[in-house]
Amino acid sequence: MTYLKRVTLAMVFLLSVSFTAFHHGWANYDQTKVLDFQSAIEHSIYENPHALAEVKYNGARWTVYLAPASRMKTRGVSADMIKKGTSLRIVAYPHKTKKTEMRAERIFIGGEKYELR
């Protein structure tokens, strides 16, 4: 019985650790460099684990990680609000190593502020 417990615990541990590589983690974003700019959404995805938007920033196409879809809904941001062509202001932090990726802290749509954290 003790052997079975140990094997089960080891398997649970290995499974939980193996999925951490898929999570990008907020520590990967440089919070000392705030990006604050206006752009239009070129493409968006409104689903978990995070909603995403692609926008132009400094002449390049950037991927913006937004909040999970459930949090977006709670904060009042619907899928229609972040569809292609929507103009918005983004306050975000750039990724430390991926040159065209950022995490949005807040967005402004139609003059309304939406905190995503």
PDB file of N, CA and C in Angstrom:
ATOM      1  N   MET A   1       0.823  -1.189   0.000  1.00  0.00           N
ATOM      2  CA  MET A   1       0.000   0.000   0.000  1.00  0.00           C
ATOM      3  C   MET A   1       0.870   1.258   0.000  1.00  0.00           C
ATOM      4  N   THR A   2       1.939   1.267   0.781  1.00  0.00           N
ATOM      5  CA  THR A   2       2.841   2.415   0.832  1.00  0.00           C
ATOM      6  C   THR A   2       3.486   2.653  -0.539  1.00  0.00           C
ATOM      7  N   TYR A   3       3.847   1.576  -1.201  1.00  0.00           N
ATOM      8  CA  TYR A   3       4.442   1.675  -2.529  1.00  0.00           C
ATOM      9  C   TYR A   3       3.478   2.358  -3.495  1.00  0.00           C
ATOM     10  N   LEU A   4       2.216   1.973  -3.465  1.00  0.00           N
ATOM     11  CA  LEU A   4       1.200   2.543  -4.350  1.00  0.00           C
ATOM     12  C   LEU A   4       1.011   4.036  -4.072  1.00  0.00           C
ATOM     13  N   LYS A   5       1.029   4.432  -2.815  1.00  0.00           N
ATOM     14  CA  LYS A   5       0.910   5.851  -2.458  1.00  0.00           C
ATOM     15  C   LYS A   5       2.086   6.649  -3.014  1.00  0.00           C
ATOM     16  N   ARG A   6       3.273   6.111  -2.849  1.00  0.00           N
ATOM     17  CA  ARG A   6       4.469   6.806  -3.330  1.00  0.00           C
ATOM     18  C   ARG A   6       4.456   6.952  -4.847  1.00  0.00           C
ATOM     19  N   VAL A   7       4.085   5.899  -5.523  1.00  0.00           N
ATOM     20  CA  VAL A   7       4.035   5.938  -6.989  1.00  0.00           C
ATOM     21  C   VAL A   7       2.977   6.947  -7.445  1.00  0.00           C
ATOM     22  N   THR A   8       1.828   6.942  -6.798  1.00  0.00           N
ATOM     23  CA  THR A   8       0.761   7.881  -7.146  1.00  0.00           C
ATOM     24  C   THR A   8       1.196   9.318  -6.905  1.00  0.00           C
ATOM     25  N   LEU A   9       1.812   9.586  -5.759  1.00  0.00           N
ATOM     26  CA  LEU A   9       2.303  10.931  -5.464  1.00  0.00           C
ATOM     27  C   LEU A   9       3.368  11.368  -6.469  1.00  0.00           C
ATOM     28  N   ALA A  10       4.248  10.464  -6.821  1.00  0.00           N
ATOM     29  CA  ALA A  10       5.292  10.786  -7.792  1.00  0.00           C
ATOM     30  C   ALA A  10       4.678  11.115  -9.153  1.00  0.00           C
ATOM     31  N   MET A  11       3.680  10.357  -9.560  1.00  0.00           N
ATOM     32  CA  MET A  11       3.021  10.610 -10.844  1.00  0.00           C
ATOM     33  C   MET A  11       2.296  11.951 -10.831  1.00  0.00           C
ATOM     34  N   VAL A  12       1.596  12.263  -9.754  1.00  0.00           N
ATOM     35  CA  VAL A  12       0.898  13.543  -9.640  1.00  0.00           C
ATOM     36  C   VAL A  12       1.902  14.688  -9.699  1.00  0.00           C
ATOM     37  N   PHE A  13       2.991  14.557  -8.995  1.00  0.00           N
ATOM     38  CA  PHE A  13       4.022  15.585  -9.002  1.00  0.00           C
ATOM     39  C   PHE A  13       4.591  15.780 -10.407  1.00  0.00           C
ATOM     40  N   LEU A  14       4.949  14.697 -11.067  1.00  0.00           N
ATOM     41  CA  LEU A  14       5.526  14.798 -12.411  1.00  0.00           C
ATOM     42  C   LEU A  14       4.554  15.394 -13.410  1.00  0.00           C
ATOM     43  N   LEU A  15       3.298  15.035 -13.313  1.00  0.00           N
ATOM     44  CA  LEU A  15       2.299  15.616 -14.207  1.00  0.00           C
ATOM     45  C   LEU A  15       2.135  17.110 -13.978  1.00  0.00           C
ATOM     46  N   SER A  16       2.067  17.521 -12.725  1.00  0.00           N
ATOM     47  CA  SER A  16       1.878  18.942 -12.443  1.00  0.00           C
ATOM     48  C   SER A  16       3.099  19.763 -12.852  1.00  0.00           C
ATOM     49  N   VAL A  17       4.279  19.239 -12.682  1.00  0.00           N
ATOM     50  CA  VAL A  17       5.501  19.938 -13.067  1.00  0.00           C
ATOM     51  C   VAL A  17       5.643  19.989 -14.586  1.00  0.00           C
ATOM     52  N   SER A  18       5.221  18.962 -15.273  1.00  0.00           N
ATOM     53  CA  SER A  18       5.405  18.910 -16.718  1.00  0.00           C
ATOM     54  C   SER A  18       4.601  19.981 -17.439  1.00  0.00           C
ATOM     55  N   PHE A  19       3.496  20.448 -16.876  1.00  0.00           N
ATOM     56  CA  PHE A  19       2.673  21.459 -17.537  1.00  0.00           C
ATOM     57  C   PHE A  19       3.147  22.879 -17.265  1.00  0.00           C
ATOM     58  N   THR A  20       4.058  23.079 -16.338  1.00  0.00           N
ATOM     59  CA  THR A  20       4.525  24.438 -16.051  1.00  0.00           C
ATOM     60  C   THR A  20       5.286  25.033 -17.225  1.00  0.00           C
ATOM     61  N   ALA A  21       5.863  24.224 -18.073  1.00  0.00           N
ATOM     62  CA  ALA A  21       6.573  24.743 -19.244  1.00  0.00           C
ATOM     63  C   ALA A  21       5.626  25.433 -20.214  1.00  0.00           C
ATOM     64  N   PHE A  22       4.346  25.069 -20.188  1.00  0.00           N
ATOM     65  CA  PHE A  22       3.379  25.672 -21.086  1.00  0.00           C
ATOM     66  C   PHE A  22       2.904  27.039 -20.597  1.00  0.00           C
ATOM     67  N   HIS A  23       3.055  27.333 -19.331  1.00  0.00           N
ATOM     68  CA  HIS A  23       2.607  28.609 -18.801  1.00  0.00           C
ATOM     69  C   HIS A  23       3.734  29.624 -18.923  1.00  0.00           C
ATOM     70  N   HIS A  24       3.434  30.745 -19.521  1.00  0.00           N
ATOM     71  CA  HIS A  24       4.479  31.728 -19.801  1.00  0.00           C
ATOM     72  C   HIS A  24       4.897  32.522 -18.577  1.00  0.00           C
ATOM     73  N   GLY A  25       4.046  32.736 -17.601  1.00  0.00           N
ATOM     74  CA  GLY A  25       4.389  33.439 -16.376  1.00  0.00           C
ATOM     75  C   GLY A  25       4.571  34.934 -16.572  1.00  0.00           C
ATOM     76  N   TRP A  26       4.052  35.697 -15.650  1.00  0.00           N
ATOM     77  CA  TRP A  26       4.130  37.164 -15.756  1.00  0.00           C
ATOM     78  C   TRP A  26       5.533  37.678 -15.468  1.00  0.00           C
ATOM     79  N   ALA A  27       6.378  36.896 -14.847  1.00  0.00           N
ATOM     80  CA  ALA A  27       7.740  37.339 -14.558  1.00  0.00           C
ATOM     81  C   ALA A  27       8.559  37.533 -15.830  1.00  0.00           C
ATOM     82  N   ASN A  28       8.083  36.995 -16.941  1.00  0.00           N
ATOM     83  CA  ASN A  28       8.793  37.130 -18.210  1.00  0.00           C
ATOM     84  C   ASN A  28       8.591  38.488 -18.871  1.00  0.00           C
ATOM     85  N   TYR A  29       7.786  39.349 -18.268  1.00  0.00           N
ATOM     86  CA  TYR A  29       7.505  40.663 -18.841  1.00  0.00           C
ATOM     87  C   TYR A  29       8.197  41.742 -18.012  1.00  0.00           C
ATOM     88  N   ASP A  30       8.783  42.708 -18.705  1.00  0.00           N
ATOM     89  CA  ASP A  30       9.582  43.750 -18.058  1.00  0.00           C
ATOM     90  C   ASP A  30       8.682  44.884 -17.562  1.00  0.00           C
ATOM     91  N   GLN A  31       8.376  44.868 -16.284  1.00  0.00           N
ATOM     92  CA  GLN A  31       7.468  45.860 -15.717  1.00  0.00           C
ATOM     93  C   GLN A  31       8.138  47.219 -15.504  1.00  0.00           C
ATOM     94  N   THR A  32       9.414  47.340 -15.832  1.00  0.00           N
ATOM     95  CA  THR A  32      10.070  48.644 -15.743  1.00  0.00           C
ATOM     96  C   THR A  32       9.915  49.427 -17.048  1.00  0.00           C
ATOM     97  N   LYS A  33       9.438  48.762 -18.103  1.00  0.00           N
ATOM     98  CA  LYS A  33       9.250  49.404 -19.404  1.00  0.00           C
ATOM     99  C   LYS A  33       7.761  49.394 -19.755  1.00  0.00           C
ATOM    100  N   VAL A  34       7.114  50.504 -19.523  1.00  0.00           N
ATOM    101  CA  VAL A  34       5.678  50.604 -19.792  1.00  0.00           C
ATOM    102  C   VAL A  34       5.472  51.077 -21.226  1.00  0.00           C
ATOM    103  N   LEU A  35       4.714  50.315 -21.984  1.00  0.00           N
ATOM    104  CA  LEU A  35       4.326  50.699 -23.338  1.00  0.00           C
ATOM    105  C   LEU A  35       2.912  51.271 -23.250  1.00  0.00           C
ATOM    106  N   ASP A  36       2.708  52.465 -23.741  1.00  0.00           N
ATOM    107  CA  ASP A  36       1.401  53.128 -23.685  1.00  0.00           C
ATOM    108  C   ASP A  36       1.164  53.727 -25.060  1.00  0.00           C
ATOM    109  N   PHE A  37       0.253  53.131 -25.834  1.00  0.00           N
ATOM    110  CA  PHE A  37       0.076  53.552 -27.221  1.00  0.00           C
ATOM    111  C   PHE A  37      -1.340  53.269 -27.715  1.00  0.00           C
ATOM    112  N   GLN A  38      -1.687  53.905 -28.807  1.00  0.00           N
ATOM    113  CA  GLN A  38      -2.973  53.741 -29.482  1.00  0.00           C
ATOM    114  C   GLN A  38      -2.748  52.876 -30.714  1.00  0.00           C
ATOM    115  N   SER A  39      -3.654  51.953 -30.993  1.00  0.00           N
ATOM    116  CA  SER A  39      -3.543  51.102 -32.172  1.00  0.00           C
ATOM    117  C   SER A  39      -4.920  50.558 -32.524  1.00  0.00           C
ATOM    118  N   ALA A  40      -4.970  49.795 -33.596  1.00  0.00           N
ATOM    119  CA  ALA A  40      -6.197  49.103 -33.990  1.00  0.00           C
ATOM    120  C   ALA A  40      -5.913  47.602 -33.984  1.00  0.00           C
ATOM    121  N   ILE A  41      -6.894  46.837 -33.592  1.00  0.00           N
ATOM    122  CA  ILE A  41      -6.733  45.383 -33.544  1.00  0.00           C
ATOM    123  C   ILE A  41      -6.758  44.819 -34.959  1.00  0.00           C
ATOM    124  N   GLU A  42      -5.759  44.025 -35.281  1.00  0.00           N
ATOM    125  CA  GLU A  42      -5.678  43.377 -36.586  1.00  0.00           C
ATOM    126  C   GLU A  42      -6.220  41.955 -36.553  1.00  0.00           C
ATOM    127  N   HIS A  43      -6.148  41.346 -35.383  1.00  0.00           N
ATOM    128  CA  HIS A  43      -6.647  39.976 -35.199  1.00  0.00           C
ATOM    129  C   HIS A  43      -6.829  39.774 -33.703  1.00  0.00           C
ATOM    130  N   SER A  44      -7.846  38.997 -33.319  1.00  0.00           N
ATOM    131  CA  SER A  44      -8.036  38.727 -31.893  1.00  0.00           C
ATOM    132  C   SER A  44      -8.570  37.321 -31.675  1.00  0.00           C
ATOM    133  N   ILE A  45      -8.292  36.815 -30.480  1.00  0.00           N
ATOM    134  CA  ILE A  45      -8.808  35.520 -30.033  1.00  0.00           C
ATOM    135  C   ILE A  45      -9.366  35.738 -28.635  1.00  0.00           C
ATOM    136  N   TYR A  46     -10.610  35.364 -28.437  1.00  0.00           N
ATOM    137  CA  TYR A  46     -11.287  35.561 -27.153  1.00  0.00           C
ATOM    138  C   TYR A  46     -11.608  34.198 -26.559  1.00  0.00           C
ATOM    139  N   GLU A  47     -10.602  33.586 -25.957  1.00  0.00           N
ATOM    140  CA  GLU A  47     -10.787  32.274 -25.335  1.00  0.00           C
ATOM    141  C   GLU A  47      -9.721  32.071 -24.268  1.00  0.00           C
ATOM    142  N   ASN A  48      -9.890  31.051 -23.465  1.00  0.00           N
ATOM    143  CA  ASN A  48      -8.907  30.741 -22.435  1.00  0.00           C
ATOM    144  C   ASN A  48      -7.758  29.959 -23.043  1.00  0.00           C
ATOM    145  N   PRO A  49      -6.558  30.008 -22.516  1.00  0.00           N
ATOM    146  CA  PRO A  49      -6.237  30.549 -21.213  1.00  0.00           C
ATOM    147  C   PRO A  49      -6.148  32.071 -21.182  1.00  0.00           C
ATOM    148  N   HIS A  50      -5.899  32.745 -22.325  1.00  0.00           N
ATOM    149  CA  HIS A  50      -5.872  34.203 -22.362  1.00  0.00           C
ATOM    150  C   HIS A  50      -6.432  34.676 -23.684  1.00  0.00           C
ATOM    151  N   ALA A  51      -7.159  35.779 -23.627  1.00  0.00           N
ATOM    152  CA  ALA A  51      -7.553  36.444 -24.865  1.00  0.00           C
ATOM    153  C   ALA A  51      -6.293  37.082 -25.429  1.00  0.00           C
ATOM    154  N   LEU A  52      -6.220  37.155 -26.743  1.00  0.00           N
ATOM    155  CA  LEU A  52      -5.057  37.722 -27.420  1.00  0.00           C
ATOM    156  C   LEU A  52      -5.514  38.742 -28.445  1.00  0.00           C
ATOM    157  N   ALA A  53      -4.664  39.713 -28.707  1.00  0.00           N
ATOM    158  CA  ALA A  53      -4.902  40.663 -29.787  1.00  0.00           C
ATOM    159  C   ALA A  53      -3.585  40.878 -30.511  1.00  0.00           C
ATOM    160  N   GLU A  54      -3.667  41.059 -31.802  1.00  0.00           N
ATOM    161  CA  GLU A  54      -2.494  41.424 -32.580  1.00  0.00           C
ATOM    162  C   GLU A  54      -2.687  42.851 -33.042  1.00  0.00           C
ATOM    163  N   VAL A  55      -1.666  43.679 -32.799  1.00  0.00           N
ATOM    164  CA  VAL A  55      -1.738  45.100 -33.128  1.00  0.00           C
ATOM    165  C   VAL A  55      -0.408  45.541 -33.736  1.00  0.00           C
ATOM    166  N   LYS A  56      -0.425  46.704 -34.375  1.00  0.00           N
ATOM    167  CA  LYS A  56       0.815  47.310 -34.870  1.00  0.00           C
ATOM    168  C   LYS A  56       1.358  48.229 -33.791  1.00  0.00           C
ATOM    169  N   TYR A  57       2.660  48.092 -33.536  1.00  0.00           N
ATOM    170  CA  TYR A  57       3.356  48.971 -32.598  1.00  0.00           C
ATOM    171  C   TYR A  57       4.767  49.196 -33.126  1.00  0.00           C
ATOM    172  N   ASN A  58       5.145  50.431 -33.286  1.00  0.00           N
ATOM    173  CA  ASN A  58       6.462  50.793 -33.820  1.00  0.00           C
ATOM    174  C   ASN A  58       6.785  50.076 -35.129  1.00  0.00           C
ATOM    175  N   GLY A  59       5.810  49.987 -36.011  1.00  0.00           N
ATOM    176  CA  GLY A  59       6.024  49.406 -37.334  1.00  0.00           C
ATOM    177  C   GLY A  59       6.043  47.893 -37.405  1.00  0.00           C
ATOM    178  N   ALA A  60       5.822  47.220 -36.287  1.00  0.00           N
ATOM    179  CA  ALA A  60       5.821  45.750 -36.271  1.00  0.00           C
ATOM    180  C   ALA A  60       4.485  45.241 -35.733  1.00  0.00           C
ATOM    181  N   ARG A  61       4.172  44.022 -36.061  1.00  0.00           N
ATOM    182  CA  ARG A  61       2.948  43.383 -35.561  1.00  0.00           C
ATOM    183  C   ARG A  61       3.283  42.690 -34.242  1.00  0.00           C
ATOM    184  N   TRP A  62       2.588  43.070 -33.176  1.00  0.00           N
ATOM    185  CA  TRP A  62       2.830  42.543 -31.833  1.00  0.00           C
ATOM    186  C   TRP A  62       1.664  41.684 -31.377  1.00  0.00           C
ATOM    187  N   THR A  63       1.968  40.661 -30.586  1.00  0.00           N
ATOM    188  CA  THR A  63       0.952  39.867 -29.902  1.00  0.00           C
ATOM    189  C   THR A  63       0.786  40.440 -28.509  1.00  0.00           C
ATOM    190  N   VAL A  64      -0.462  40.771 -28.173  1.00  0.00           N
ATOM    191  CA  VAL A  64      -0.770  41.326 -26.857  1.00  0.00           C
ATOM    192  C   VAL A  64      -1.553  40.287 -26.071  1.00  0.00           C
ATOM    193  N   TYR A  65      -0.984  39.833 -24.965  1.00  0.00           N
ATOM    194  CA  TYR A  65      -1.701  38.929 -24.075  1.00  0.00           C
ATOM    195  C   TYR A  65      -2.631  39.760 -23.212  1.00  0.00           C
ATOM    196  N   LEU A  66      -3.898  39.443 -23.262  1.00  0.00           N
ATOM    197  CA  LEU A  66      -4.905  40.103 -22.451  1.00  0.00           C
ATOM    198  C   LEU A  66      -5.215  39.202 -21.258  1.00  0.00           C
ATOM    199  N   ALA A  67      -6.321  39.416 -20.599  1.00  0.00           N
ATOM    200  CA  ALA A  67      -6.724  38.577 -19.462  1.00  0.00           C
ATOM    201  C   ALA A  67      -7.436  37.323 -19.967  1.00  0.00           C
ATOM    202  N   PRO A  68      -7.647  36.339 -19.089  1.00  0.00           N
ATOM    203  CA  PRO A  68      -8.476  35.190 -19.464  1.00  0.00           C
ATOM    204  C   PRO A  68      -9.879  35.674 -19.856  1.00  0.00           C
ATOM    205  N   ALA A  69     -10.525  34.934 -20.732  1.00  0.00           N
ATOM    206  CA  ALA A  69     -11.851  35.344 -21.218  1.00  0.00           C
ATOM    207  C   ALA A  69     -12.838  35.549 -20.075  1.00  0.00           C
ATOM    208  N   SER A  70     -12.794  34.709 -19.058  1.00  0.00           N
ATOM    209  CA  SER A  70     -13.716  34.859 -17.931  1.00  0.00           C
ATOM    210  C   SER A  70     -13.490  36.186 -17.205  1.00  0.00           C
ATOM    211  N   ARG A  71     -12.231  36.589 -17.036  1.00  0.00           N
ATOM    212  CA  ARG A  71     -11.937  37.867 -16.390  1.00  0.00           C
ATOM    213  C   ARG A  71     -12.320  39.032 -17.297  1.00  0.00           C
ATOM    214  N   MET A  72     -12.097  38.861 -18.591  1.00  0.00           N
ATOM    215  CA  MET A  72     -12.484  39.918 -19.540  1.00  0.00           C
ATOM    216  C   MET A  72     -13.993  40.178 -19.422  1.00  0.00           C
ATOM    217  N   LYS A  73     -14.784  39.107 -19.375  1.00  0.00           N
ATOM    218  CA  LYS A  73     -16.243  39.262 -19.239  1.00  0.00           C
ATOM    219  C   LYS A  73     -16.591  39.958 -17.933  1.00  0.00           C
ATOM    220  N   THR A  74     -15.960  39.526 -16.843  1.00  0.00           N
ATOM    221  CA  THR A  74     -16.218  40.121 -15.529  1.00  0.00           C
ATOM    222  C   THR A  74     -15.893  41.610 -15.519  1.00  0.00           C
ATOM    223  N   ARG A  75     -14.849  41.992 -16.225  1.00  0.00           N
ATOM    224  CA  ARG A  75     -14.433  43.398 -16.253  1.00  0.00           C
ATOM    225  C   ARG A  75     -15.205  44.213 -17.288  1.00  0.00           C
ATOM    226  N   GLY A  76     -16.082  43.545 -18.058  1.00  0.00           N
ATOM    227  CA  GLY A  76     -16.926  44.272 -19.000  1.00  0.00           C
ATOM    228  C   GLY A  76     -16.428  44.319 -20.427  1.00  0.00           C
ATOM    229  N   VAL A  77     -15.449  43.467 -20.769  1.00  0.00           N
ATOM    230  CA  VAL A  77     -14.909  43.444 -22.132  1.00  0.00           C
ATOM    231  C   VAL A  77     -15.440  42.200 -22.848  1.00  0.00           C
ATOM    232  N   SER A  78     -16.276  42.420 -23.852  1.00  0.00           N
ATOM    233  CA  SER A  78     -16.841  41.302 -24.607  1.00  0.00           C
ATOM    234  C   SER A  78     -15.979  40.997 -25.829  1.00  0.00           C
ATOM    235  N   ALA A  79     -16.248  39.873 -26.458  1.00  0.00           N
ATOM    236  CA  ALA A  79     -15.516  39.491 -27.668  1.00  0.00           C
ATOM    237  C   ALA A  79     -15.725  40.523 -28.774  1.00  0.00           C
ATOM    238  N   ASP A  80     -16.916  41.077 -28.883  1.00  0.00           N
ATOM    239  CA  ASP A  80     -17.198  42.090 -29.908  1.00  0.00           C
ATOM    240  C   ASP A  80     -16.377  43.358 -29.710  1.00  0.00           C
ATOM    241  N   MET A  81     -16.004  43.645 -28.480  1.00  0.00           N
ATOM    242  CA  MET A  81     -15.251  44.861 -28.187  1.00  0.00           C
ATOM    243  C   MET A  81     -13.798  44.779 -28.627  1.00  0.00           C
ATOM    244  N   ILE A  82     -13.282  43.558 -28.799  1.00  0.00           N
ATOM    245  CA  ILE A  82     -11.885  43.422 -29.227  1.00  0.00           C
ATOM    246  C   ILE A  82     -11.780  42.745 -30.594  1.00  0.00           C
ATOM    247  N   LYS A  83     -12.756  42.988 -31.438  1.00  0.00           N
ATOM    248  CA  LYS A  83     -12.716  42.399 -32.775  1.00  0.00           C
ATOM    249  C   LYS A  83     -11.826  43.219 -33.709  1.00  0.00           C
ATOM    250  N   LYS A  84     -11.526  42.661 -34.849  1.00  0.00           N
ATOM    251  CA  LYS A  84     -10.670  43.294 -35.847  1.00  0.00           C
ATOM    252  C   LYS A  84     -11.195  44.691 -36.179  1.00  0.00           C
ATOM    253  N   GLY A  85     -10.278  45.651 -36.195  1.00  0.00           N
ATOM    254  CA  GLY A  85     -10.631  47.020 -36.540  1.00  0.00           C
ATOM    255  C   GLY A  85     -10.905  47.922 -35.350  1.00  0.00           C
ATOM    256  N   THR A  86     -11.093  47.342 -34.166  1.00  0.00           N
ATOM    257  CA  THR A  86     -11.355  48.146 -32.971  1.00  0.00           C
ATOM    258  C   THR A  86     -10.130  48.984 -32.629  1.00  0.00           C
ATOM    259  N   SER A  87     -10.345  50.276 -32.430  1.00  0.00           N
ATOM    260  CA  SER A  87      -9.276  51.169 -32.002  1.00  0.00           C
ATOM    261  C   SER A  87      -9.233  51.165 -30.481  1.00  0.00           C
ATOM    262  N   LEU A  88      -8.035  51.051 -29.931  1.00  0.00           N
ATOM    263  CA  LEU A  88      -7.905  51.025 -28.489  1.00  0.00           C
ATOM    264  C   LEU A  88      -6.556  51.580 -28.057  1.00  0.00           C
ATOM    265  N   ARG A  89      -6.512  51.963 -26.819  1.00  0.00           N
ATOM    266  CA  ARG A  89      -5.244  52.367 -26.188  1.00  0.00           C
ATOM    267  C   ARG A  89      -4.823  51.214 -25.292  1.00  0.00           C
ATOM    268  N   ILE A  90      -3.556  50.864 -25.351  1.00  0.00           N
ATOM    269  CA  ILE A  90      -3.021  49.741 -24.589  1.00  0.00           C
ATOM    270  C   ILE A  90      -1.914  50.229 -23.667  1.00  0.00           C
ATOM    271  N   VAL A  91      -1.968  49.802 -22.423  1.00  0.00           N
ATOM    272  CA  VAL A  91      -0.875  50.018 -21.480  1.00  0.00           C
ATOM    273  C   VAL A  91      -0.367  48.621 -21.151  1.00  0.00           C
ATOM    274  N   ALA A  92       0.889  48.350 -21.522  1.00  0.00           N
ATOM    275  CA  ALA A  92       1.396  46.980 -21.442  1.00  0.00           C
ATOM    276  C   ALA A  92       2.883  46.957 -21.096  1.00  0.00           C
ATOM    277  N   TYR A  93       3.353  45.736 -20.826  1.00  0.00           N
ATOM    278  CA  TYR A  93       4.762  45.492 -20.550  1.00  0.00           C
ATOM    279  C   TYR A  93       5.312  44.559 -21.627  1.00  0.00           C
ATOM    280  N   PRO A  94       6.481  44.884 -22.194  1.00  0.00           N
ATOM    281  CA  PRO A  94       7.057  44.007 -23.217  1.00  0.00           C
ATOM    282  C   PRO A  94       7.657  42.743 -22.609  1.00  0.00           C
ATOM    283  N   HIS A  95       7.673  41.686 -23.398  1.00  0.00           N
ATOM    284  CA  HIS A  95       8.320  40.445 -22.981  1.00  0.00           C
ATOM    285  C   HIS A  95       9.825  40.685 -22.919  1.00  0.00           C
ATOM    286  N   LYS A  96      10.486  40.050 -21.989  1.00  0.00           N
ATOM    287  CA  LYS A  96      11.925  40.266 -21.805  1.00  0.00           C
ATOM    288  C   LYS A  96      12.765  39.712 -22.954  1.00  0.00           C
ATOM    289  N   THR A  97      12.296  38.633 -23.593  1.00  0.00           N
ATOM    290  CA  THR A  97      13.104  38.025 -24.655  1.00  0.00           C
ATOM    291  C   THR A  97      12.397  37.958 -26.007  1.00  0.00           C
ATOM    292  N   LYS A  98      11.091  37.901 -26.034  1.00  0.00           N
ATOM    293  CA  LYS A  98      10.349  37.838 -27.299  1.00  0.00           C
ATOM    294  C   LYS A  98      10.056  39.265 -27.760  1.00  0.00           C
ATOM    295  N   LYS A  99      10.657  39.666 -28.860  1.00  0.00           N
ATOM    296  CA  LYS A  99      10.655  41.061 -29.284  1.00  0.00           C
ATOM    297  C   LYS A  99       9.288  41.625 -29.654  1.00  0.00           C
ATOM    298  N   THR A 100       8.340  40.814 -30.038  1.00  0.00           N
ATOM    299  CA  THR A 100       7.039  41.345 -30.461  1.00  0.00           C
ATOM    300  C   THR A 100       5.895  40.754 -29.631  1.00  0.00           C
ATOM    301  N   GLU A 101       6.119  40.641 -28.333  1.00  0.00           N
ATOM    302  CA  GLU A 101       5.080  40.151 -27.428  1.00  0.00           C
ATOM    303  C   GLU A 101       5.006  41.066 -26.210  1.00  0.00           C
ATOM    304  N   MET A 102       3.788  41.321 -25.761  1.00  0.00           N
ATOM    305  CA  MET A 102       3.574  42.143 -24.573  1.00  0.00           C
ATOM    306  C   MET A 102       2.374  41.632 -23.795  1.00  0.00           C
ATOM    307  N   ARG A 103       2.308  42.028 -22.528  1.00  0.00           N
ATOM    308  CA  ARG A 103       1.169  41.693 -21.665  1.00  0.00           C
ATOM    309  C   ARG A 103       0.476  42.991 -21.295  1.00  0.00           C
ATOM    310  N   ALA A 104      -0.817  43.063 -21.596  1.00  0.00           N
ATOM    311  CA  ALA A 104      -1.588  44.269 -21.309  1.00  0.00           C
ATOM    312  C   ALA A 104      -1.968  44.333 -19.837  1.00  0.00           C
ATOM    313  N   GLU A 105      -1.715  45.460 -19.242  1.00  0.00           N
ATOM    314  CA  GLU A 105      -2.122  45.727 -17.866  1.00  0.00           C
ATOM    315  C   GLU A 105      -3.535  46.307 -17.856  1.00  0.00           C
ATOM    316  N   ARG A 106      -3.783  47.196 -18.818  1.00  0.00           N
ATOM    317  CA  ARG A 106      -5.110  47.802 -18.969  1.00  0.00           C
ATOM    318  C   ARG A 106      -5.302  48.209 -20.416  1.00  0.00           C
ATOM    319  N   ILE A 107      -6.550  48.315 -20.821  1.00  0.00           N
ATOM    320  CA  ILE A 107      -6.878  48.796 -22.158  1.00  0.00           C
ATOM    321  C   ILE A 107      -7.968  49.857 -22.038  1.00  0.00           C
ATOM    322  N   PHE A 108      -8.018  50.724 -23.027  1.00  0.00           N
ATOM    323  CA  PHE A 108      -9.047  51.757 -23.105  1.00  0.00           C
ATOM    324  C   PHE A 108      -9.763  51.576 -24.436  1.00  0.00           C
ATOM    325  N   ILE A 109     -11.072  51.396 -24.384  1.00  0.00           N
ATOM    326  CA  ILE A 109     -11.875  51.252 -25.592  1.00  0.00           C
ATOM    327  C   ILE A 109     -12.999  52.267 -25.507  1.00  0.00           C
ATOM    328  N   GLY A 110     -13.104  53.114 -26.526  1.00  0.00           N
ATOM    329  CA  GLY A 110     -14.158  54.129 -26.530  1.00  0.00           C
ATOM    330  C   GLY A 110     -14.092  55.056 -25.327  1.00  0.00           C
ATOM    331  N   GLY A 111     -12.896  55.337 -24.853  1.00  0.00           N
ATOM    332  CA  GLY A 111     -12.725  56.220 -23.708  1.00  0.00           C
ATOM    333  C   GLY A 111     -12.926  55.558 -22.346  1.00  0.00           C
ATOM    334  N   GLU A 112     -13.335  54.288 -22.335  1.00  0.00           N
ATOM    335  CA  GLU A 112     -13.536  53.548 -21.078  1.00  0.00           C
ATOM    336  C   GLU A 112     -12.283  52.743 -20.742  1.00  0.00           C
ATOM    337  N   LYS A 113     -11.910  52.764 -19.467  1.00  0.00           N
ATOM    338  CA  LYS A 113     -10.731  52.028 -19.003  1.00  0.00           C
ATOM    339  C   LYS A 113     -11.142  50.662 -18.469  1.00  0.00           C
ATOM    340  N   TYR A 114     -10.390  49.637 -18.846  1.00  0.00           N
ATOM    341  CA  TYR A 114     -10.635  48.270 -18.395  1.00  0.00           C
ATOM    342  C   TYR A 114      -9.339  47.716 -17.811  1.00  0.00           C
ATOM    343  N   GLU A 115      -9.333  47.476 -16.514  1.00  0.00           N
ATOM    344  CA  GLU A 115      -8.189  46.869 -15.833  1.00  0.00           C
ATOM    345  C   GLU A 115      -8.217  45.367 -16.084  1.00  0.00           C
ATOM    346  N   LEU A 116      -7.115  44.819 -16.550  1.00  0.00           N
ATOM    347  CA  LEU A 116      -7.090  43.398 -16.895  1.00  0.00           C
ATOM    348  C   LEU A 116      -6.397  42.531 -15.862  1.00  0.00           C
ATOM    349  N   ARG A 117      -5.766  43.108 -14.920  1.00  0.00           N
ATOM    350  CA  ARG A 117      -5.041  42.344 -13.918  1.00  0.00           C
ATOM    351  C   ARG A 117      -5.922  41.916 -12.788  1.00  0.00           C
TER     352      ARG A 117
END
